[in-house]
Amino acid sequence: MLVRKGPLRPSDLARFEVVAAPTMTRAIADLESRGLVSRTQDPDDGRSFLIEATAAGAEAVLRARRERAKRVRALLATLDADQLDSITAALDALEATATAPAPSP
């Protein structure tokens, strides 16, 4: 999310990732200790800070995406034409679902 959306407050990141604030705090601390994210003072709120991906963090995300794409290609290569057609037909609905706003609680 940080690579796509840019710097975010921890609370916003928790909301995007649908996790509780304490969970996000622990995740941020872990990522920060590994040099994958950094924090800076929020210019709009001196009590808060923003989290952003470091160059190493962005590269880790890109590397994971490449590896995932490679695995998906390998899996798709094992399917026959009818199976691929079924998957292709479902892609629009899957994309719409993935990009739809989260339902209200």
Foldseek 3Di string as FASTA:
>chain_A
DQLVPPWDWLVVVCVVVVHDSVVSVVVQVVCVVVQQKDWDQDPVDNVTIIIHGDPVNNVVVVVVVVVVVVVVVVVVVPDDPVVVVVVVVCVVVVVCVVPDDDDDD
